Amino acid sequence: MDQELEREQTATREDEGDQMPSWREVFLYFLMLGFANIGGPVAQITMMYNHMVERRHWLLEDRFAVHVTRVRLAVECRYHYCRRYAR
């Protein structure tokens, strides 16, 4: 399933003429995001969405949603694990 989605995204990117960002671009973006830490995680996710999906077209909207969901799930699991065994 993921391979099919990856192929579709690659084909879409090639059709649109978008290029993958360089490591330097990604590093500088996250450095700027770290310095502009205003509004907490919700504001940062919105800033990331605006930059990565809408302006730069680094990710497709579906792919961005999948990544955000995975990160939130990982944080939730870690929180509950620590809470349970910290007693």
PDB file of N, CA and C in Angstrom:
ATOM      1  N   MET A   1       0.827  -1.193   0.000  1.00  0.00           N
ATOM      2  CA  MET A   1       0.000   0.000   0.000  1.00  0.00           C
ATOM      3  C   MET A   1       0.869   1.255   0.000  1.00  0.00           C
ATOM      4  N   ASP A   2       1.889   1.287   0.878  1.00  0.00           N
ATOM      5  CA  ASP A   2       2.773   2.446   0.934  1.00  0.00           C
ATOM      6  C   ASP A   2       3.567   2.606  -0.355  1.00  0.00           C
ATOM      7  N   GLN A   3       3.927   1.487  -0.981  1.00  0.00           N
ATOM      8  CA  GLN A   3       4.698   1.560  -2.222  1.00  0.00           C
ATOM      9  C   GLN A   3       3.864   2.178  -3.341  1.00  0.00           C
ATOM     10  N   GLU A   4       2.585   1.822  -3.398  1.00  0.00           N
ATOM     11  CA  GLU A   4       1.706   2.396  -4.407  1.00  0.00           C
ATOM     12  C   GLU A   4       1.565   3.904  -4.193  1.00  0.00           C
ATOM     13  N   LEU A   5       1.375   4.297  -2.934  1.00  0.00           N
ATOM     14  CA  LEU A   5       1.246   5.713  -2.606  1.00  0.00           C
ATOM     15  C   LEU A   5       2.531   6.460  -2.966  1.00  0.00           C
ATOM     16  N   GLU A   6       3.666   5.837  -2.676  1.00  0.00           N
ATOM     17  CA  GLU A   6       4.953   6.453  -2.993  1.00  0.00           C
ATOM     18  C   GLU A   6       5.121   6.648  -4.502  1.00  0.00           C
ATOM     19  N   ARG A   7       4.725   5.636  -5.282  1.00  0.00           N
ATOM     20  CA  ARG A   7       4.819   5.745  -6.740  1.00  0.00           C
ATOM     21  C   ARG A   7       3.922   6.862  -7.267  1.00  0.00           C
ATOM     22  N   GLU A   8       2.706   6.955  -6.717  1.00  0.00           N
ATOM     23  CA  GLU A   8       1.782   8.002  -7.150  1.00  0.00           C
ATOM     24  C   GLU A   8       2.339   9.385  -6.820  1.00  0.00           C
ATOM     25  N   GLN A   9       2.909   9.512  -5.631  1.00  0.00           N
ATOM     26  CA  GLN A   9       3.466  10.796  -5.225  1.00  0.00           C
ATOM     27  C   GLN A   9       4.656  11.172  -6.091  1.00  0.00           C
ATOM     28  N   THR A  10       5.496  10.192  -6.400  1.00  0.00           N
ATOM     29  CA  THR A  10       6.646  10.459  -7.248  1.00  0.00           C
ATOM     30  C   THR A  10       6.191  10.907  -8.628  1.00  0.00           C
ATOM     31  N   ALA A  11       5.192  10.211  -9.171  1.00  0.00           N
ATOM     32  CA  ALA A  11       4.664  10.587 -10.485  1.00  0.00           C
ATOM     33  C   ALA A  11       4.050  11.979 -10.439  1.00  0.00           C
ATOM     34  N   THR A  12       3.339  12.278  -9.360  1.00  0.00           N
ATOM     35  CA  THR A  12       2.727  13.599  -9.219  1.00  0.00           C
ATOM     36  C   THR A  12       3.797  14.672  -9.130  1.00  0.00           C
ATOM     37  N   ARG A  13       4.835  14.418  -8.354  1.00  0.00           N
ATOM     38  CA  ARG A  13       5.925  15.387  -8.222  1.00  0.00           C
ATOM     39  C   ARG A  13       6.610  15.634  -9.565  1.00  0.00           C
ATOM     40  N   GLU A  14       6.833  14.575 -10.308  1.00  0.00           N
ATOM     41  CA  GLU A  14       7.487  14.726 -11.602  1.00  0.00           C
ATOM     42  C   GLU A  14       6.602  15.501 -12.568  1.00  0.00           C
ATOM     43  N   ASP A  15       5.293  15.272 -12.486  1.00  0.00           N
ATOM     44  CA  ASP A  15       4.369  15.998 -13.357  1.00  0.00           C
ATOM     45  C   ASP A  15       4.339  17.486 -13.023  1.00  0.00           C
ATOM     46  N   GLU A  16       4.396  17.800 -11.737  1.00  0.00           N
ATOM     47  CA  GLU A  16       4.328  19.192 -11.308  1.00  0.00           C
ATOM     48  C   GLU A  16       5.673  19.894 -11.437  1.00  0.00           C
ATOM     49  N   GLY A  17       6.733  19.135 -11.627  1.00  0.00           N
ATOM     50  CA  GLY A  17       8.050  19.731 -11.748  1.00  0.00           C
ATOM     51  C   GLY A  17       8.678  20.067 -10.407  1.00  0.00           C
ATOM     52  N   ASP A  18       8.113  19.573  -9.302  1.00  0.00           N
ATOM     53  CA  ASP A  18       8.673  19.844  -7.981  1.00  0.00           C
ATOM     54  C   ASP A  18       9.925  19.006  -7.762  1.00  0.00           C
ATOM     55  N   GLN A  19      10.837  19.550  -6.988  1.00  0.00           N
ATOM     56  CA  GLN A  19      12.053  18.836  -6.655  1.00  0.00           C
ATOM     57  C   GLN A  19      12.100  18.616  -5.163  1.00  0.00           C
ATOM     58  N   MET A  20      12.763  17.543  -4.787  1.00  0.00           N
ATOM     59  CA  MET A  20      12.956  17.302  -3.368  1.00  0.00           C
ATOM     60  C   MET A  20      13.895  18.375  -2.823  1.00  0.00           C
ATOM     61  N   PRO A  21      13.651  18.815  -1.591  1.00  0.00           N
ATOM     62  CA  PRO A  21      14.510  19.862  -1.029  1.00  0.00           C
ATOM     63  C   PRO A  21      15.892  19.306  -0.679  1.00  0.00           C
ATOM     64  N   SER A  22      16.854  20.176  -0.660  1.00  0.00           N
ATOM     65  CA  SER A  22      18.188  19.766  -0.236  1.00  0.00           C
ATOM     66  C   SER A  22      18.208  19.671   1.290  1.00  0.00           C
ATOM     67  N   TRP A  23      19.211  18.994   1.806  1.00  0.00           N
ATOM     68  CA  TRP A  23      19.344  18.879   3.263  1.00  0.00           C
ATOM     69  C   TRP A  23      19.529  20.260   3.883  1.00  0.00           C
ATOM     70  N   ARG A  24      20.215  21.114   3.159  1.00  0.00           N
ATOM     71  CA  ARG A  24      20.449  22.466   3.650  1.00  0.00           C
ATOM     72  C   ARG A  24      19.134  23.230   3.805  1.00  0.00           C
ATOM     73  N   GLU A  25      18.250  23.131   2.805  1.00  0.00           N
ATOM     74  CA  GLU A  25      16.953  23.813   2.886  1.00  0.00           C
ATOM     75  C   GLU A  25      16.138  23.310   4.064  1.00  0.00           C
ATOM     76  N   VAL A  26      16.128  21.998   4.240  1.00  0.00           N
ATOM     77  CA  VAL A  26      15.352  21.404   5.339  1.00  0.00           C
ATOM     78  C   VAL A  26      15.940  21.832   6.682  1.00  0.00           C
ATOM     79  N   PHE A  27      17.271  21.761   6.802  1.00  0.00           N
ATOM     80  CA  PHE A  27      17.926  22.164   8.050  1.00  0.00           C
ATOM     81  C   PHE A  27      17.627  23.617   8.387  1.00  0.00           C
ATOM     82  N   LEU A  28      17.767  24.505   7.409  1.00  0.00           N
ATOM     83  CA  LEU A  28      17.515  25.924   7.660  1.00  0.00           C
ATOM     84  C   LEU A  28      16.054  26.192   8.014  1.00  0.00           C
ATOM     85  N   TYR A  29      15.146  25.440   7.397  1.00  0.00           N
ATOM     86  CA  TYR A  29      13.737  25.634   7.725  1.00  0.00           C
ATOM     87  C   TYR A  29      13.459  25.237   9.179  1.00  0.00           C
ATOM     88  N   PHE A  30      13.962  24.075   9.603  1.00  0.00           N
ATOM     89  CA  PHE A  30      13.707  23.645  10.979  1.00  0.00           C
ATOM     90  C   PHE A  30      14.455  24.500  11.994  1.00  0.00           C
ATOM     91  N   LEU A  31      15.594  25.050  11.610  1.00  0.00           N
ATOM     92  CA  LEU A  31      16.297  25.988  12.480  1.00  0.00           C
ATOM     93  C   LEU A  31      15.438  27.232  12.692  1.00  0.00           C
ATOM     94  N   MET A  32      14.880  27.757  11.595  1.00  0.00           N
ATOM     95  CA  MET A  32      13.993  28.919  11.695  1.00  0.00           C
ATOM     96  C   MET A  32      12.752  28.582  12.524  1.00  0.00           C
ATOM     97  N   LEU A  33      12.208  27.392  12.319  1.00  0.00           N
ATOM     98  CA  LEU A  33      11.026  26.981  13.068  1.00  0.00           C
ATOM     99  C   LEU A  33      11.326  26.893  14.565  1.00  0.00           C
ATOM    100  N   GLY A  34      12.526  26.425  14.901  1.00  0.00           N
ATOM    101  CA  GLY A  34      12.926  26.343  16.306  1.00  0.00           C
ATOM    102  C   GLY A  34      13.056  27.708  16.951  1.00  0.00           C
ATOM    103  N   PHE A  35      13.556  28.679  16.203  1.00  0.00           N
ATOM    104  CA  PHE A  35      13.690  30.029  16.744  1.00  0.00           C
ATOM    105  C   PHE A  35      12.345  30.744  16.814  1.00  0.00           C
ATOM    106  N   ALA A  36      11.422  30.390  15.950  1.00  0.00           N
ATOM    107  CA  ALA A  36      10.105  31.037  15.929  1.00  0.00           C
ATOM    108  C   ALA A  36       9.105  30.204  16.710  1.00  0.00           C
ATOM    109  N   ASN A  37       9.499  29.765  17.880  1.00  0.00           N
ATOM    110  CA  ASN A  37       8.664  28.891  18.699  1.00  0.00           C
ATOM    111  C   ASN A  37       7.607  29.713  19.421  1.00  0.00           C
ATOM    112  N   ILE A  38       6.586  30.105  18.683  1.00  0.00           N
ATOM    113  CA  ILE A  38       5.510  30.920  19.236  1.00  0.00           C
ATOM    114  C   ILE A  38       4.205  30.150  19.077  1.00  0.00           C
ATOM    115  N   GLY A  39       3.473  29.963  20.151  1.00  0.00           N
ATOM    116  CA  GLY A  39       2.169  29.341  20.056  1.00  0.00           C
ATOM    117  C   GLY A  39       2.135  27.855  20.340  1.00  0.00           C
ATOM    118  N   GLY A  40       3.260  27.249  20.594  1.00  0.00           N
ATOM    119  CA  GLY A  40       3.289  25.837  20.942  1.00  0.00           C
ATOM    120  C   GLY A  40       3.157  24.915  19.742  1.00  0.00           C
ATOM    121  N   PRO A  41       2.918  23.621  20.018  1.00  0.00           N
ATOM    122  CA  PRO A  41       2.911  22.614  18.965  1.00  0.00           C
ATOM    123  C   PRO A  41       1.834  22.813  17.909  1.00  0.00           C
ATOM    124  N   VAL A  42       0.672  23.252  18.297  1.00  0.00           N
ATOM    125  CA  VAL A  42      -0.409  23.427  17.322  1.00  0.00           C
ATOM    126  C   VAL A  42      -0.035  24.492  16.296  1.00  0.00           C
ATOM    127  N   ALA A  43       0.533  25.580  16.761  1.00  0.00           N
ATOM    128  CA  ALA A  43       0.955  26.635  15.843  1.00  0.00           C
ATOM    129  C   ALA A  43       2.099  26.157  14.958  1.00  0.00           C
ATOM    130  N   GLN A  44       3.014  25.364  15.521  1.00  0.00           N
ATOM    131  CA  GLN A  44       4.135  24.862  14.726  1.00  0.00           C
ATOM    132  C   GLN A  44       3.664  23.901  13.641  1.00  0.00           C
ATOM    133  N   ILE A  45       2.706  23.056  13.955  1.00  0.00           N
ATOM    134  CA  ILE A  45       2.181  22.136  12.942  1.00  0.00           C
ATOM    135  C   ILE A  45       1.531  22.924  11.807  1.00  0.00           C
ATOM    136  N   THR A  46       0.815  23.987  12.164  1.00  0.00           N
ATOM    137  CA  THR A  46       0.197  24.826  11.141  1.00  0.00           C
ATOM    138  C   THR A  46       1.262  25.513  10.290  1.00  0.00           C
ATOM    139  N   MET A  47       2.314  26.010  10.926  1.00  0.00           N
ATOM    140  CA  MET A  47       3.403  26.640  10.182  1.00  0.00           C
ATOM    141  C   MET A  47       4.082  25.630   9.254  1.00  0.00           C
ATOM    142  N   MET A  48       4.295  24.423   9.758  1.00  0.00           N
ATOM    143  CA  MET A  48       4.924  23.380   8.944  1.00  0.00           C
ATOM    144  C   MET A  48       4.032  23.024   7.762  1.00  0.00           C
ATOM    145  N   TYR A  49       2.743  22.905   7.989  1.00  0.00           N
ATOM    146  CA  TYR A  49       1.813  22.587   6.905  1.00  0.00           C
ATOM    147  C   TYR A  49       1.850  23.677   5.827  1.00  0.00           C
ATOM    148  N   ASN A  50       1.764  24.932   6.269  1.00  0.00           N
ATOM    149  CA  ASN A  50       1.783  26.044   5.307  1.00  0.00           C
ATOM    150  C   ASN A  50       3.058  26.051   4.479  1.00  0.00           C
ATOM    151  N   HIS A  51       4.177  25.797   5.128  1.00  0.00           N
ATOM    152  CA  HIS A  51       5.456  25.856   4.424  1.00  0.00           C
ATOM    153  C   HIS A  51       5.695  24.622   3.566  1.00  0.00           C
ATOM    154  N   MET A  52       5.541  23.438   4.141  1.00  0.00           N
ATOM    155  CA  MET A  52       5.912  22.195   3.452  1.00  0.00           C
ATOM    156  C   MET A  52       4.907  21.745   2.402  1.00  0.00           C
ATOM    157  N   VAL A  53       3.632  21.975   2.646  1.00  0.00           N
ATOM    158  CA  VAL A  53       2.598  21.480   1.734  1.00  0.00           C
ATOM    159  C   VAL A  53       2.144  22.564   0.762  1.00  0.00           C
ATOM    160  N   GLU A  54       1.803  23.720   1.278  1.00  0.00           N
ATOM    161  CA  GLU A  54       1.205  24.746   0.421  1.00  0.00           C
ATOM    162  C   GLU A  54       2.223  25.569  -0.363  1.00  0.00           C
ATOM    163  N   ARG A  55       3.292  26.031   0.303  1.00  0.00           N
ATOM    164  CA  ARG A  55       4.226  26.919  -0.382  1.00  0.00           C
ATOM    165  C   ARG A  55       5.304  26.177  -1.170  1.00  0.00           C
ATOM    166  N   ARG A  56       5.992  25.251  -0.515  1.00  0.00           N
ATOM    167  CA  ARG A  56       7.141  24.596  -1.145  1.00  0.00           C
ATOM    168  C   ARG A  56       6.795  23.299  -1.870  1.00  0.00           C
ATOM    169  N   HIS A  57       5.656  22.715  -1.547  1.00  0.00           N
ATOM    170  CA  HIS A  57       5.223  21.437  -2.144  1.00  0.00           C
ATOM    171  C   HIS A  57       6.241  20.321  -1.900  1.00  0.00           C
ATOM    172  N   TRP A  58       6.813  20.319  -0.692  1.00  0.00           N
ATOM    173  CA  TRP A  58       7.742  19.259  -0.340  1.00  0.00           C
ATOM    174  C   TRP A  58       7.001  17.956  -0.075  1.00  0.00           C
ATOM    175  N   LEU A  59       5.793  18.056   0.477  1.00  0.00           N
ATOM    176  CA  LEU A  59       4.972  16.891   0.806  1.00  0.00           C
ATOM    177  C   LEU A  59       3.567  17.102   0.260  1.00  0.00           C
ATOM    178  N   LEU A  60       2.917  15.982  -0.013  1.00  0.00           N
ATOM    179  CA  LEU A  60       1.498  16.051  -0.340  1.00  0.00           C
ATOM    180  C   LEU A  60       0.707  16.110   0.962  1.00  0.00           C
ATOM    181  N   GLU A  61      -0.497  16.606   0.890  1.00  0.00           N
ATOM    182  CA  GLU A  61      -1.313  16.783   2.091  1.00  0.00           C
ATOM    183  C   GLU A  61      -1.549  15.463   2.824  1.00  0.00           C
ATOM    184  N   ASP A  62      -1.827  14.404   2.084  1.00  0.00           N
ATOM    185  CA  ASP A  62      -2.072  13.096   2.708  1.00  0.00           C
ATOM    186  C   ASP A  62      -0.835  12.588   3.439  1.00  0.00           C
ATOM    187  N   ARG A  63       0.313  12.755   2.817  1.00  0.00           N
ATOM    188  CA  ARG A  63       1.559  12.284   3.418  1.00  0.00           C
ATOM    189  C   ARG A  63       1.879  13.072   4.691  1.00  0.00           C
ATOM    190  N   PHE A  64       1.637  14.371   4.659  1.00  0.00           N
ATOM    191  CA  PHE A  64       1.855  15.206   5.834  1.00  0.00           C
ATOM    192  C   PHE A  64       0.968  14.744   6.985  1.00  0.00           C
ATOM    193  N   ALA A  65      -0.298  14.461   6.689  1.00  0.00           N
ATOM    194  CA  ALA A  65      -1.237  14.004   7.715  1.00  0.00           C
ATOM    195  C   ALA A  65      -0.785  12.673   8.318  1.00  0.00           C
ATOM    196  N   VAL A  66      -0.264  11.783   7.488  1.00  0.00           N
ATOM    197  CA  VAL A  66       0.221  10.485   7.984  1.00  0.00           C
ATOM    198  C   VAL A  66       1.384  10.696   8.941  1.00  0.00           C
ATOM    199  N   HIS A  67       2.325  11.556   8.581  1.00  0.00           N
ATOM    200  CA  HIS A  67       3.486  11.797   9.440  1.00  0.00           C
ATOM    201  C   HIS A  67       3.086  12.441  10.760  1.00  0.00           C
ATOM    202  N   VAL A  68       2.201  13.406  10.720  1.00  0.00           N
ATOM    203  CA  VAL A  68       1.757  14.068  11.948  1.00  0.00           C
ATOM    204  C   VAL A  68       1.041  13.065  12.854  1.00  0.00           C
ATOM    205  N   THR A  69       0.225  12.210  12.276  1.00  0.00           N
ATOM    206  CA  THR A  69      -0.487  11.200  13.058  1.00  0.00           C
ATOM    207  C   THR A  69       0.479  10.235  13.721  1.00  0.00           C
ATOM    208  N   ARG A  70       1.491   9.794  12.993  1.00  0.00           N
ATOM    209  CA  ARG A  70       2.481   8.864  13.565  1.00  0.00           C
ATOM    210  C   ARG A  70       3.241   9.502  14.721  1.00  0.00           C
ATOM    211  N   VAL A  71       3.619  10.736  14.572  1.00  0.00           N
ATOM    212  CA  VAL A  71       4.354  11.414  15.640  1.00  0.00           C
ATOM    213  C   VAL A  71       3.473  11.576  16.869  1.00  0.00           C
ATOM    214  N   ARG A  72       2.245  11.987  16.673  1.00  0.00           N
ATOM    215  CA  ARG A  72       1.338  12.169  17.811  1.00  0.00           C
ATOM    216  C   ARG A  72       1.075  10.846  18.514  1.00  0.00           C
ATOM    217  N   LEU A  73       0.944   9.775  17.751  1.00  0.00           N
ATOM    218  CA  LEU A  73       0.724   8.455  18.346  1.00  0.00           C
ATOM    219  C   LEU A  73       1.929   8.029  19.168  1.00  0.00           C
ATOM    220  N   ALA A  74       3.118   8.254  18.653  1.00  0.00           N
ATOM    221  CA  ALA A  74       4.330   7.885  19.372  1.00  0.00           C
ATOM    222  C   ALA A  74       4.446   8.654  20.683  1.00  0.00           C
ATOM    223  N   VAL A  75       4.127   9.930  20.663  1.00  0.00           N
ATOM    224  CA  VAL A  75       4.191  10.746  21.876  1.00  0.00           C
ATOM    225  C   VAL A  75       3.155  10.273  22.883  1.00  0.00           C
ATOM    226  N   GLU A  76       1.953   9.975  22.439  1.00  0.00           N
ATOM    227  CA  GLU A  76       0.903   9.489  23.336  1.00  0.00           C
ATOM    228  C   GLU A  76       1.320   8.176  24.002  1.00  0.00           C
ATOM    229  N   CYS A  77       1.857   7.255  23.222  1.00  0.00           N
ATOM    230  CA  CYS A  77       2.275   5.959  23.767  1.00  0.00           C
ATOM    231  C   CYS A  77       3.369   6.141  24.803  1.00  0.00           C
ATOM    232  N   ARG A  78       4.318   6.998  24.518  1.00  0.00           N
ATOM    233  CA  ARG A  78       5.421   7.235  25.446  1.00  0.00           C
ATOM    234  C   ARG A  78       4.911   7.867  26.735  1.00  0.00           C
ATOM    235  N   TYR A  79       3.991   8.812  26.615  1.00  0.00           N
ATOM    236  CA  TYR A  79       3.426   9.470  27.788  1.00  0.00           C
ATOM    237  C   TYR A  79       2.732   8.459  28.692  1.00  0.00           C
ATOM    238  N   HIS A  80       1.895   7.594  28.105  1.00  0.00           N
ATOM    239  CA  HIS A  80       1.165   6.620  28.913  1.00  0.00           C
ATOM    240  C   HIS A  80       2.094   5.576  29.511  1.00  0.00           C
ATOM    241  N   TYR A  81       3.145   5.193  28.795  1.00  0.00           N
ATOM    242  CA  TYR A  81       4.099   4.226  29.304  1.00  0.00           C
ATOM    243  C   TYR A  81       4.824   4.819  30.511  1.00  0.00           C
ATOM    244  N   CYS A  82       5.287   6.045  30.408  1.00  0.00           N
ATOM    245  CA  CYS A  82       6.001   6.696  31.499  1.00  0.00           C
ATOM    246  C   CYS A  82       5.074   6.903  32.695  1.00  0.00           C
ATOM    247  N   ARG A  83       3.864   7.268  32.424  1.00  0.00           N
ATOM    248  CA  ARG A  83       2.905   7.511  33.492  1.00  0.00           C
ATOM    249  C   ARG A  83       2.600   6.239  34.266  1.00  0.00           C
ATOM    250  N   ARG A  84       2.484   5.141  33.549  1.00  0.00           N
ATOM    251  CA  ARG A  84       2.136   3.871  34.177  1.00  0.00           C
ATOM    252  C   ARG A  84       3.272   3.365  35.071  1.00  0.00           C
ATOM    253  N   TYR A  85       4.510   3.429  34.587  1.00  0.00           N
ATOM    254  CA  TYR A  85       5.619   2.828  35.296  1.00  0.00           C
ATOM    255  C   TYR A  85       6.378   3.808  36.184  1.00  0.00           C
ATOM    256  N   ALA A  86       5.974   5.054  36.228  1.00  0.00           N
ATOM    257  CA  ALA A  86       6.654   6.041  37.069  1.00  0.00           C
ATOM    258  C   ALA A  86       6.147   6.019  38.508  1.00  0.00           C
ATOM    259  N   ARG A  87       5.134   5.272  38.753  1.00  0.00           N
ATOM    260  CA  ARG A  87       4.554   5.246  40.114  1.00  0.00           C
ATOM    261  C   ARG A  87       5.366   4.461  41.070  1.00  0.00           C
TER     262      ARG A  87
END
